[in-house]
């Protein structure tokens, strides 16, 4: 079951990064400038995610605030996509934010192994 939850969390996080790109690109107006803004947004979010949320993060925030922050971030990006006429993907991300909160809480007891 934990493997399934881990895979689900990974898929949600990947969809979140796609959503961040679409949101950054859409807010910047599309085109080449929009694509660059989308890539920059993904880089910034990925760095922050890696610092504070990722299982091997050095400055990982505590369990409940981390789960709530991750789920809220995914839902906020989904809501932003709703405003940019990406209704289906936006709604999926809003629902996925709730699922990610539960997955983060369930997976927290599992410590990553280092090889």
C-alpha atoms as a PDB file:
ATOM      1  CA  UNK A   1       0.000   0.000   0.000  1.00  0.00           C
ATOM      2  CA  UNK A   2       2.850   2.375   0.782  1.00  0.00           C
ATOM      3  CA  UNK A   3       4.315   1.806  -2.685  1.00  0.00           C
ATOM      4  CA  UNK A   4       1.005   2.808  -4.237  1.00  0.00           C
ATOM      5  CA  UNK A   5       0.798   5.918  -2.045  1.00  0.00           C
ATOM      6  CA  UNK A   6       4.362   6.856  -2.897  1.00  0.00           C
ATOM      7  CA  UNK A   7       3.697   6.443  -6.612  1.00  0.00           C
ATOM      8  CA  UNK A   8       0.476   8.446  -6.318  1.00  0.00           C
ATOM      9  CA  UNK A   9       2.294  11.240  -4.474  1.00  0.00           C
ATOM     10  CA  UNK A  10       4.992  11.285  -7.169  1.00  0.00           C
ATOM     11  CA  UNK A  11       2.409  11.514  -9.969  1.00  0.00           C
ATOM     12  CA  UNK A  12       0.621  14.344  -8.149  1.00  0.00           C
ATOM     13  CA  UNK A  13       3.891  16.201  -7.620  1.00  0.00           C
ATOM     14  CA  UNK A  14       4.741  15.804 -11.311  1.00  0.00           C
ATOM     15  CA  UNK A  15       1.288  17.092 -12.315  1.00  0.00           C
ATOM     16  CA  UNK A  16       1.828  19.969  -9.875  1.00  0.00           C
ATOM     17  CA  UNK A  17       5.039  20.953 -11.676  1.00  0.00           C
ATOM     18  CA  UNK A  18       3.234  20.811 -15.027  1.00  0.00           C
ATOM     19  CA  UNK A  19       0.546  23.026 -13.517  1.00  0.00           C
ATOM     20  CA  UNK A  20       3.176  25.469 -12.226  1.00  0.00           C
ATOM     21  CA  UNK A  21       4.592  25.693 -15.744  1.00  0.00           C
ATOM     22  CA  UNK A  22       1.159  26.299 -17.280  1.00  0.00           C
ATOM     23  CA  UNK A  23       0.305  28.903 -14.644  1.00  0.00           C
ATOM     24  CA  UNK A  24       3.621  30.745 -15.003  1.00  0.00           C
ATOM     25  CA  UNK A  25       3.379  30.663 -18.766  1.00  0.00           C
ATOM     26  CA  UNK A  26      -0.248  31.784 -18.801  1.00  0.00           C
ATOM     27  CA  UNK A  27       0.301  34.641 -16.366  1.00  0.00           C
ATOM     28  CA  UNK A  28       3.247  35.871 -18.449  1.00  0.00           C
ATOM     29  CA  UNK A  29       1.135  35.873 -21.588  1.00  0.00           C
ATOM     30  CA  UNK A  30       2.382  32.839 -23.479  1.00  0.00           C
ATOM     31  CA  UNK A  31       4.908  32.809 -26.299  1.00  0.00           C
ATOM     32  CA  UNK A  32       8.635  32.602 -25.684  1.00  0.00           C
ATOM     33  CA  UNK A  33       8.453  34.926 -22.681  1.00  0.00           C
ATOM     34  CA  UNK A  34       5.701  32.813 -21.202  1.00  0.00           C
ATOM     35  CA  UNK A  35       7.671  29.628 -21.719  1.00  0.00           C
ATOM     36  CA  UNK A  36      10.681  31.170 -19.979  1.00  0.00           C
ATOM     37  CA  UNK A  37       8.477  32.375 -17.120  1.00  0.00           C
ATOM     38  CA  UNK A  38       6.987  28.886 -16.829  1.00  0.00           C
ATOM     39  CA  UNK A  39      10.408  27.254 -16.697  1.00  0.00           C
ATOM     40  CA  UNK A  40      11.615  29.787 -14.120  1.00  0.00           C
ATOM     41  CA  UNK A  41       8.520  29.163 -11.995  1.00  0.00           C
ATOM     42  CA  UNK A  42       9.118  25.407 -12.110  1.00  0.00           C
ATOM     43  CA  UNK A  43      12.771  25.846 -11.109  1.00  0.00           C
ATOM     44  CA  UNK A  44      11.850  28.068  -8.146  1.00  0.00           C
ATOM     45  CA  UNK A  45       9.091  25.727  -6.952  1.00  0.00           C
ATOM     46  CA  UNK A  46      11.268  22.627  -7.434  1.00  0.00           C
ATOM     47  CA  UNK A  47      14.085  24.167  -5.371  1.00  0.00           C
ATOM     48  CA  UNK A  48      11.690  25.111  -2.575  1.00  0.00           C
ATOM     49  CA  UNK A  49      10.054  21.673  -2.714  1.00  0.00           C
ATOM     50  CA  UNK A  50      13.459  20.014  -2.552  1.00  0.00           C
ATOM     51  CA  UNK A  51      14.540  22.126   0.411  1.00  0.00           C
ATOM     52  CA  UNK A  52      11.439  21.808   2.579  1.00  0.00           C
ATOM     53  CA  UNK A  53       9.073  19.047   1.407  1.00  0.00           C
ATOM     54  CA  UNK A  54      11.047  16.261  -0.273  1.00  0.00           C
ATOM     55  CA  UNK A  55      11.664  13.091   1.778  1.00  0.00           C
ATOM     56  CA  UNK A  56      15.421  13.717   1.857  1.00  0.00           C
ATOM     57  CA  UNK A  57      15.220  17.484   2.378  1.00  0.00           C
ATOM     58  CA  UNK A  58      17.797  18.857   4.771  1.00  0.00           C
ATOM     59  CA  UNK A  59      15.404  21.450   6.167  1.00  0.00           C
ATOM     60  CA  UNK A  60      12.236  19.376   6.023  1.00  0.00           C
ATOM     61  CA  UNK A  61       9.380  21.086   7.807  1.00  0.00           C
ATOM     62  CA  UNK A  62       7.333  19.144  10.385  1.00  0.00           C
ATOM     63  CA  UNK A  63       4.813  16.539   9.293  1.00  0.00           C
ATOM     64  CA  UNK A  64       1.420  18.263   9.505  1.00  0.00           C
ATOM     65  CA  UNK A  65       2.498  21.722   8.296  1.00  0.00           C
ATOM     66  CA  UNK A  66       4.411  20.079   5.432  1.00  0.00           C
ATOM     67  CA  UNK A  67       1.420  18.011   4.341  1.00  0.00           C
ATOM     68  CA  UNK A  68      -0.907  21.011   4.545  1.00  0.00           C
ATOM     69  CA  UNK A  69       1.537  23.271   2.699  1.00  0.00           C
ATOM     70  CA  UNK A  70       2.057  20.722  -0.082  1.00  0.00           C
ATOM     71  CA  UNK A  71      -1.656  20.093  -0.538  1.00  0.00           C
ATOM     72  CA  UNK A  72      -2.474  23.789  -0.389  1.00  0.00           C
ATOM     73  CA  UNK A  73       0.191  24.632  -2.967  1.00  0.00           C
ATOM     74  CA  UNK A  74      -1.200  22.036  -5.372  1.00  0.00           C
ATOM     75  CA  UNK A  75      -4.762  23.280  -4.826  1.00  0.00           C
ATOM     76  CA  UNK A  76      -3.733  26.936  -5.298  1.00  0.00           C
ATOM     77  CA  UNK A  77      -2.061  26.130  -8.611  1.00  0.00           C
ATOM     78  CA  UNK A  78      -5.222  24.250  -9.599  1.00  0.00           C
ATOM     79  CA  UNK A  79      -7.353  27.269  -8.706  1.00  0.00           C
ATOM     80  CA  UNK A  80      -5.049  29.513 -10.715  1.00  0.00           C
ATOM     81  CA  UNK A  81      -5.428  27.228 -13.705  1.00  0.00           C
ATOM     82  CA  UNK A  82      -9.202  27.511 -13.408  1.00  0.00           C
ATOM     83  CA  UNK A  83      -8.788  31.246 -13.919  1.00  0.00           C
ATOM     84  CA  UNK A  84      -6.696  30.621 -17.045  1.00  0.00           C
ATOM     85  CA  UNK A  85      -9.368  28.469 -18.701  1.00  0.00           C
ATOM     86  CA  UNK A  86      -7.743  25.122 -17.833  1.00  0.00           C
ATOM     87  CA  UNK A  87     -10.852  23.873 -16.024  1.00  0.00           C
ATOM     88  CA  UNK A  88     -10.287  20.125 -16.153  1.00  0.00           C
ATOM     89  CA  UNK A  89      -6.650  20.182 -15.147  1.00  0.00           C
ATOM     90  CA  UNK A  90      -7.358  22.818 -12.505  1.00  0.00           C
ATOM     91  CA  UNK A  91     -10.107  20.716 -10.944  1.00  0.00           C
ATOM     92  CA  UNK A  92      -7.890  17.631 -11.020  1.00  0.00           C
ATOM     93  CA  UNK A  93      -5.139  19.516  -9.190  1.00  0.00           C
ATOM     94  CA  UNK A  94      -7.542  20.860  -6.578  1.00  0.00           C
ATOM     95  CA  UNK A  95      -8.699  17.310  -5.820  1.00  0.00           C
ATOM     96  CA  UNK A  96      -5.140  16.023  -5.993  1.00  0.00           C
ATOM     97  CA  UNK A  97      -4.129  18.546  -3.348  1.00  0.00           C
ATOM     98  CA  UNK A  98      -6.448  16.843  -0.883  1.00  0.00           C
ATOM     99  CA  UNK A  99      -5.113  13.419  -1.831  1.00  0.00           C
ATOM    100  CA  UNK A 100      -1.531  14.654  -1.458  1.00  0.00           C
ATOM    101  CA  UNK A 101      -2.216  15.800   2.114  1.00  0.00           C
ATOM    102  CA  UNK A 102      -3.395  12.310   3.037  1.00  0.00           C
ATOM    103  CA  UNK A 103      -0.512  10.637   1.188  1.00  0.00           C
ATOM    104  CA  UNK A 104       2.071  12.897   2.848  1.00  0.00           C
ATOM    105  CA  UNK A 105       0.659  12.099   6.279  1.00  0.00           C
ATOM    106  CA  UNK A 106       0.563   8.362   5.601  1.00  0.00           C
ATOM    107  CA  UNK A 107       4.046   8.238   4.102  1.00  0.00           C
ATOM    108  CA  UNK A 108       5.651  10.302   6.862  1.00  0.00           C
ATOM    109  CA  UNK A 109       6.321   7.279   9.052  1.00  0.00           C
ATOM    110  CA  UNK A 110       8.428   5.725   6.298  1.00  0.00           C
ATOM    111  CA  UNK A 111      12.045   6.831   6.413  1.00  0.00           C
ATOM    112  CA  UNK A 112      13.946   6.908   3.129  1.00  0.00           C
ATOM    113  CA  UNK A 113      16.829   4.486   2.831  1.00  0.00           C
ATOM    114  CA  UNK A 114      20.235   5.685   1.740  1.00  0.00           C
ATOM    115  CA  UNK A 115      22.342   3.499  -0.471  1.00  0.00           C
END
